[in-house]
N, C-alpha and C. Protein backbone atom coordinates (compact mmCIF):
# COMPACT_ATOMS: atom_id res chain seq x y z
N MET A 1 12.54 27.56 15.57
CA MET A 1 11.44 26.56 15.24
C MET A 1 12.70 25.14 15.85
N TYR A 2 12.03 23.95 16.00
CA TYR A 2 12.84 23.31 16.70
C TYR A 2 12.10 21.78 15.68
N TYR A 3 13.33 20.85 15.46
CA TYR A 3 12.90 19.39 14.92
C TYR A 3 13.53 18.26 15.90
N LEU A 4 12.79 17.64 16.71
CA LEU A 4 13.19 16.77 17.40
C LEU A 4 13.24 15.10 16.77
N GLN A 5 14.06 14.20 16.87
CA GLN A 5 14.05 13.15 16.59
C GLN A 5 14.52 11.79 17.81
N MET A 6 13.47 11.45 17.79
CA MET A 6 13.95 9.93 18.98
C MET A 6 14.01 9.13 18.39
N SER A 7 15.22 8.44 18.24
CA SER A 7 16.18 6.97 17.82
C SER A 7 16.36 6.37 19.10
N SER A 8 17.31 5.81 19.03
CA SER A 8 18.09 4.32 20.03
C SER A 8 19.32 4.60 20.33
N ALA A 9 19.88 4.21 21.12
CA ALA A 9 20.88 3.69 21.74
C ALA A 9 21.73 2.67 20.58
N ALA A 10 20.46 1.96 20.42
CA ALA A 10 20.70 0.58 19.64
C ALA A 10 21.49 1.17 17.85
N GLY A 11 21.11 2.71 17.71
CA GLY A 11 21.77 2.84 16.66
C GLY A 11 23.30 3.40 17.23
N LYS A 12 23.85 3.38 18.23
CA LYS A 12 25.10 4.03 18.44
C LYS A 12 25.75 2.61 18.54
N THR A 13 25.11 1.78 19.23
CA THR A 13 25.69 0.25 19.62
C THR A 13 24.77 -0.88 19.31
N PRO A 14 25.36 -1.89 18.27
CA PRO A 14 24.77 -2.69 17.62
C PRO A 14 24.13 -3.42 18.93
N ALA A 15 23.05 -4.26 18.85
CA ALA A 15 22.52 -5.24 20.00
C ALA A 15 22.46 -6.83 19.01
N PRO A 16 22.80 -7.58 19.79
CA PRO A 16 22.60 -8.82 19.16
C PRO A 16 21.15 -9.02 19.08
N GLY A 17 20.78 -9.36 17.96
CA GLY A 17 19.16 -10.01 17.48
C GLY A 17 18.36 -8.87 17.22
N GLN A 18 19.16 -7.71 17.05
CA GLN A 18 18.15 -6.46 16.40
C GLN A 18 18.71 -5.58 15.36
N ALA A 19 19.45 -6.47 14.75
CA ALA A 19 19.66 -5.95 13.45
C ALA A 19 19.25 -5.11 12.49
N VAL A 20 17.67 -5.59 12.31
CA VAL A 20 16.66 -4.56 11.27
C VAL A 20 16.85 -3.15 12.06
N TYR A 21 16.42 -3.24 13.26
CA TYR A 21 16.32 -2.18 14.08
C TYR A 21 17.43 -1.54 14.57
N SER A 22 18.51 -1.78 14.85
CA SER A 22 19.70 -1.12 14.82
C SER A 22 20.20 -0.04 13.42
N ALA A 23 19.57 -1.26 12.53
CA ALA A 23 20.39 -0.61 10.92
C ALA A 23 19.15 0.65 10.89
N SER A 24 17.90 0.29 11.64
CA SER A 24 16.52 1.72 11.05
C SER A 24 17.26 2.84 11.87
N LYS A 25 17.90 2.64 13.27
CA LYS A 25 18.45 3.65 13.80
C LYS A 25 20.05 4.17 13.54
N PHE A 26 20.33 3.55 13.27
CA PHE A 26 21.84 4.01 12.53
C PHE A 26 21.46 4.99 11.13
N ALA A 27 20.65 4.60 10.60
CA ALA A 27 19.76 5.42 9.40
C ALA A 27 19.96 6.24 9.79
N LEU A 28 19.02 6.64 11.14
CA LEU A 28 18.32 7.98 11.58
C LEU A 28 19.45 8.73 11.92
N ASN A 29 20.51 8.02 12.76
CA ASN A 29 22.10 8.71 13.37
C ASN A 29 22.55 9.57 12.06
N GLY A 30 22.42 8.76 10.62
CA GLY A 30 23.27 9.73 10.02
C GLY A 30 22.66 10.36 8.72
N TYR A 31 21.14 10.31 8.51
CA TYR A 31 20.55 11.29 8.44
C TYR A 31 20.24 12.64 8.80
N PHE A 32 19.76 12.68 10.20
CA PHE A 32 19.53 13.74 11.01
C PHE A 32 20.97 14.50 11.19
N PRO A 33 22.32 14.24 10.96
CA PRO A 33 23.24 15.41 10.77
C PRO A 33 23.18 16.07 9.71
N SER A 34 22.97 15.84 8.73
CA SER A 34 22.99 16.27 7.50
C SER A 34 21.83 17.00 7.07
N LEU A 35 20.73 16.41 7.78
CA LEU A 35 19.62 17.14 7.87
C LEU A 35 19.85 18.63 9.01
N ARG A 36 20.48 18.65 10.07
CA ARG A 36 20.49 19.99 10.60
C ARG A 36 21.50 20.84 9.85
N SER A 37 22.23 20.38 9.31
CA SER A 37 23.54 21.29 8.57
C SER A 37 22.58 22.01 7.34
N GLU A 38 21.58 21.13 6.58
CA GLU A 38 20.57 21.86 5.87
C GLU A 38 19.55 23.39 6.63
N LEU A 39 18.87 22.59 7.41
CA LEU A 39 17.92 23.44 8.23
C LEU A 39 18.57 24.39 9.32
N ASN A 40 19.82 24.46 9.32
CA ASN A 40 20.54 25.54 10.46
C ASN A 40 20.71 26.54 9.57
N GLN A 41 20.78 26.66 8.38
CA GLN A 41 20.81 27.84 7.50
C GLN A 41 19.44 28.68 7.86
N ARG A 42 18.49 27.81 8.14
CA ARG A 42 17.17 28.95 8.29
C ARG A 42 17.01 29.13 9.48
N GLY A 43 17.75 28.59 10.53
CA GLY A 43 17.25 28.82 11.84
C GLY A 43 16.50 27.72 12.52
N ILE A 44 16.69 26.51 12.29
CA ILE A 44 15.74 25.51 12.89
C ILE A 44 16.87 24.26 13.02
N LYS A 45 16.35 24.10 14.28
CA LYS A 45 17.41 23.81 15.32
C LYS A 45 17.03 21.76 15.35
N VAL A 46 17.86 21.34 15.26
CA VAL A 46 17.93 19.45 15.21
C VAL A 46 18.57 18.67 16.31
N THR A 47 17.82 18.31 17.41
CA THR A 47 18.04 17.49 18.13
C THR A 47 17.79 15.85 17.48
N VAL A 48 19.17 14.98 18.11
CA VAL A 48 18.86 13.51 17.91
C VAL A 48 19.22 12.39 19.47
N VAL A 49 17.90 12.26 19.85
CA VAL A 49 18.01 11.63 20.93
C VAL A 49 18.00 10.16 20.84
N CYS A 50 18.92 9.55 21.71
CA CYS A 50 19.51 8.11 21.23
C CYS A 50 18.95 7.39 23.19
N PRO A 51 17.72 7.70 23.56
CA PRO A 51 18.13 6.54 24.79
C PRO A 51 18.38 5.11 24.36
N GLY A 52 18.41 4.49 26.09
CA GLY A 52 18.79 3.23 25.82
C GLY A 52 17.32 2.36 26.08
N PRO A 53 17.09 1.60 26.96
CA PRO A 53 15.93 0.78 27.34
C PRO A 53 14.98 2.07 27.82
N ILE A 54 13.59 2.15 27.68
CA ILE A 54 12.63 2.62 28.48
C ILE A 54 11.69 2.09 29.08
N GLU A 55 11.50 2.09 30.34
CA GLU A 55 10.39 1.62 30.90
C GLU A 55 8.86 1.80 30.26
N THR A 56 8.37 0.72 29.37
CA THR A 56 6.84 0.85 29.17
C THR A 56 5.68 -0.24 29.91
N SER A 57 4.91 0.21 30.02
CA SER A 57 3.54 -0.79 30.17
C SER A 57 3.46 -1.22 28.89
N ASN A 58 3.24 -2.44 29.22
CA ASN A 58 3.02 -3.40 27.92
C ASN A 58 1.29 -3.80 27.92
N GLY A 59 0.94 -2.83 28.54
CA GLY A 59 -0.74 -2.75 28.33
C GLY A 59 -1.18 -3.47 29.75
N THR A 60 -0.63 -4.14 30.68
CA THR A 60 -1.28 -4.89 31.75
C THR A 60 -0.82 -4.46 33.04
N GLY A 61 0.00 -3.48 32.98
CA GLY A 61 0.50 -2.26 34.13
C GLY A 61 1.97 -3.01 34.86
N THR A 62 1.85 -4.01 33.91
CA THR A 62 3.91 -4.55 34.17
C THR A 62 4.30 -3.85 33.37
N THR A 63 6.15 -3.68 33.54
CA THR A 63 7.12 -3.74 32.85
C THR A 63 7.93 -4.50 32.13
N SER A 64 7.93 -4.73 30.53
CA SER A 64 8.60 -5.54 29.64
C SER A 64 10.22 -5.48 30.03
N GLY A 65 10.57 -6.69 29.69
CA GLY A 65 12.04 -6.59 30.14
C GLY A 65 12.62 -6.91 30.99
N SER A 66 13.78 -7.97 31.09
CA SER A 66 14.30 -7.72 32.46
C SER A 66 15.81 -6.96 32.65
N GLU A 67 16.18 -6.06 31.82
CA GLU A 67 17.39 -4.75 32.10
C GLU A 67 16.73 -3.62 32.61
N LYS A 68 17.78 -3.23 33.24
CA LYS A 68 17.52 -2.17 34.06
C LYS A 68 17.11 -0.76 32.38
N ARG A 69 16.15 -0.25 33.11
CA ARG A 69 15.42 0.91 31.94
C ARG A 69 15.07 2.14 33.11
N VAL A 70 15.21 3.18 31.80
CA VAL A 70 15.29 4.45 32.17
C VAL A 70 13.56 4.72 32.22
N SER A 71 12.91 5.56 33.32
CA SER A 71 11.40 5.77 33.15
C SER A 71 11.03 6.70 31.80
N SER A 72 10.05 6.68 31.53
CA SER A 72 9.56 7.02 30.32
C SER A 72 9.63 8.60 31.15
N THR A 73 9.08 8.85 32.30
CA THR A 73 9.55 10.18 32.44
C THR A 73 10.65 10.77 32.53
N ARG A 74 11.36 9.81 33.27
CA ARG A 74 13.35 10.82 33.60
C ARG A 74 13.49 10.85 31.29
N CYS A 75 12.95 9.71 30.43
CA CYS A 75 13.33 10.29 29.31
C CYS A 75 12.99 11.59 28.93
N ALA A 76 11.66 11.94 29.25
CA ALA A 76 10.88 13.13 28.59
C ALA A 76 11.93 13.94 29.43
N GLU A 77 12.17 14.06 30.45
CA GLU A 77 13.01 15.16 31.32
C GLU A 77 13.96 15.29 30.85
N LEU A 78 15.03 14.16 30.22
CA LEU A 78 16.17 14.16 29.82
C LEU A 78 16.32 14.52 28.05
N THR A 79 14.90 14.58 27.63
CA THR A 79 15.14 15.36 26.34
C THR A 79 14.73 16.83 26.17
N VAL A 80 14.10 17.18 27.31
CA VAL A 80 13.77 18.49 27.34
C VAL A 80 15.43 18.87 27.66
N ILE A 81 15.54 18.50 28.60
CA ILE A 81 17.47 19.10 28.83
C ILE A 81 18.40 19.14 27.68
N ALA A 82 17.89 17.90 27.16
CA ALA A 82 19.19 17.77 25.80
C ALA A 82 18.31 19.27 24.56
N MET A 83 17.21 19.34 24.49
CA MET A 83 16.37 20.66 23.50
C MET A 83 17.08 22.03 23.99
N THR A 84 17.14 21.60 25.39
CA THR A 84 16.86 23.38 26.37
C THR A 84 18.46 23.68 25.88
N HIS A 85 19.46 22.66 26.15
CA HIS A 85 20.92 23.19 26.14
C HIS A 85 21.72 23.05 24.83
N ASP A 86 20.63 22.79 23.69
CA ASP A 86 21.03 23.00 22.57
C ASP A 86 21.81 22.22 22.13
N LEU A 87 21.66 20.93 22.20
CA LEU A 87 22.35 19.85 22.02
C LEU A 87 22.30 19.18 20.83
N GLU A 88 23.04 18.77 19.43
CA GLU A 88 22.73 18.14 18.46
C GLU A 88 22.06 16.78 18.68
N GLU A 89 22.46 16.41 19.69
CA GLU A 89 22.53 14.84 19.96
C GLU A 89 22.63 14.77 21.50
N GLY A 90 21.75 13.49 22.08
CA GLY A 90 21.73 13.17 23.63
C GLY A 90 21.59 11.92 23.47
N TRP A 91 22.39 11.16 24.75
CA TRP A 91 21.75 10.25 24.64
C TRP A 91 22.33 9.30 26.13
N TRP A 92 21.48 8.70 26.65
CA TRP A 92 21.54 8.21 28.24
C TRP A 92 21.12 6.76 28.10
N GLU A 93 21.64 5.97 29.21
CA GLU A 93 21.23 4.64 29.32
C GLU A 93 21.12 4.70 31.46
N SER A 94 20.00 3.38 31.35
CA SER A 94 19.94 3.12 33.05
C SER A 94 21.26 2.46 33.37
N SER A 95 21.58 1.46 32.72
CA SER A 95 22.48 0.35 32.90
C SER A 95 23.52 1.10 32.64
N SER A 96 25.07 1.34 33.79
CA SER A 96 26.12 1.52 32.86
C SER A 96 27.32 0.20 32.54
N SER A 97 26.90 -0.93 32.78
CA SER A 97 27.66 -2.28 32.96
C SER A 97 27.89 -2.50 31.21
N CYS A 98 26.76 -2.41 30.51
CA CYS A 98 27.56 -2.59 29.05
C CYS A 98 27.79 -1.30 28.46
N CYS A 99 27.77 -0.27 29.17
CA CYS A 99 28.09 1.07 27.98
C CYS A 99 29.15 1.82 28.70
N ARG A 100 29.78 1.42 29.88
CA ARG A 100 30.96 2.75 30.20
C ARG A 100 32.06 2.85 28.97
N GLU A 101 32.18 1.75 27.99
CA GLU A 101 32.95 2.60 27.02
C GLU A 101 32.35 3.59 25.76
N ARG A 102 31.16 3.52 26.05
CA ARG A 102 30.81 4.39 25.08
C ARG A 102 30.29 5.67 25.95
N GLN A 103 31.09 5.71 27.04
CA GLN A 103 30.39 6.90 28.26
C GLN A 103 28.81 7.40 28.48
N TYR A 104 28.08 6.12 28.59
CA TYR A 104 27.10 6.15 28.88
C TYR A 104 27.17 6.52 30.71
N SER A 105 26.07 6.28 31.07
CA SER A 105 26.21 6.84 32.66
C SER A 105 24.43 6.51 32.94
N LEU A 106 24.90 6.02 34.49
CA LEU A 106 23.50 6.08 35.30
C LEU A 106 22.55 7.41 34.81
N SER A 107 21.51 7.42 34.37
CA SER A 107 20.56 8.82 33.94
C SER A 107 21.19 9.76 33.79
N LEU A 108 22.46 10.11 33.10
CA LEU A 108 23.02 11.16 33.00
C LEU A 108 23.09 11.23 31.59
N LEU A 109 22.41 12.77 31.06
CA LEU A 109 22.59 13.35 30.17
C LEU A 109 24.26 13.47 29.47
N PHE A 110 24.41 12.83 28.28
CA PHE A 110 25.99 13.67 27.46
C PHE A 110 25.18 13.80 26.39
N GLY A 111 26.24 14.62 25.51
CA GLY A 111 25.59 15.01 24.49
C GLY A 111 26.78 15.71 23.71
N LYS A 112 26.47 15.90 22.27
CA LYS A 112 27.26 16.17 21.54
C LYS A 112 26.72 18.14 21.35
N ARG A 113 27.60 18.80 21.63
CA ARG A 113 26.90 20.67 21.61
C ARG A 113 27.01 20.81 20.51
N LYS A 114 26.18 21.73 19.34
CA LYS A 114 26.06 22.43 18.23
C LYS A 114 27.61 23.04 18.54
N ALA A 115 28.86 23.10 17.58
CA ALA A 115 29.36 24.05 16.89
C ALA A 115 28.91 25.25 17.23
N SER A 116 29.71 26.16 18.04
CA SER A 116 29.22 27.84 17.80
C SER A 116 30.08 28.51 16.66
């Protein structure tokens, strides 16, 4: 069995003007490691995915926002990679400029692997 939680890079690095959103993602990123430790005993794996901005349609066929975004297809691919590589956590960004210190890189997956 598997439990996948979609969180956000905003739960790793606060975003100006996004205090409530960032706080909710920080809460997810605190809750799921605890849940993982409980479910691990039952053989249930837990992965938390923390993508940066995702390119989405606003209903008119155009994308929202001016920053570089990861495509929703690439986000799905990286999510599957995180799960199949048994990562406890995965995160990625399209734009590396604001995230170099956090080890994000252009559409590359980084994560914490489960301790053996």
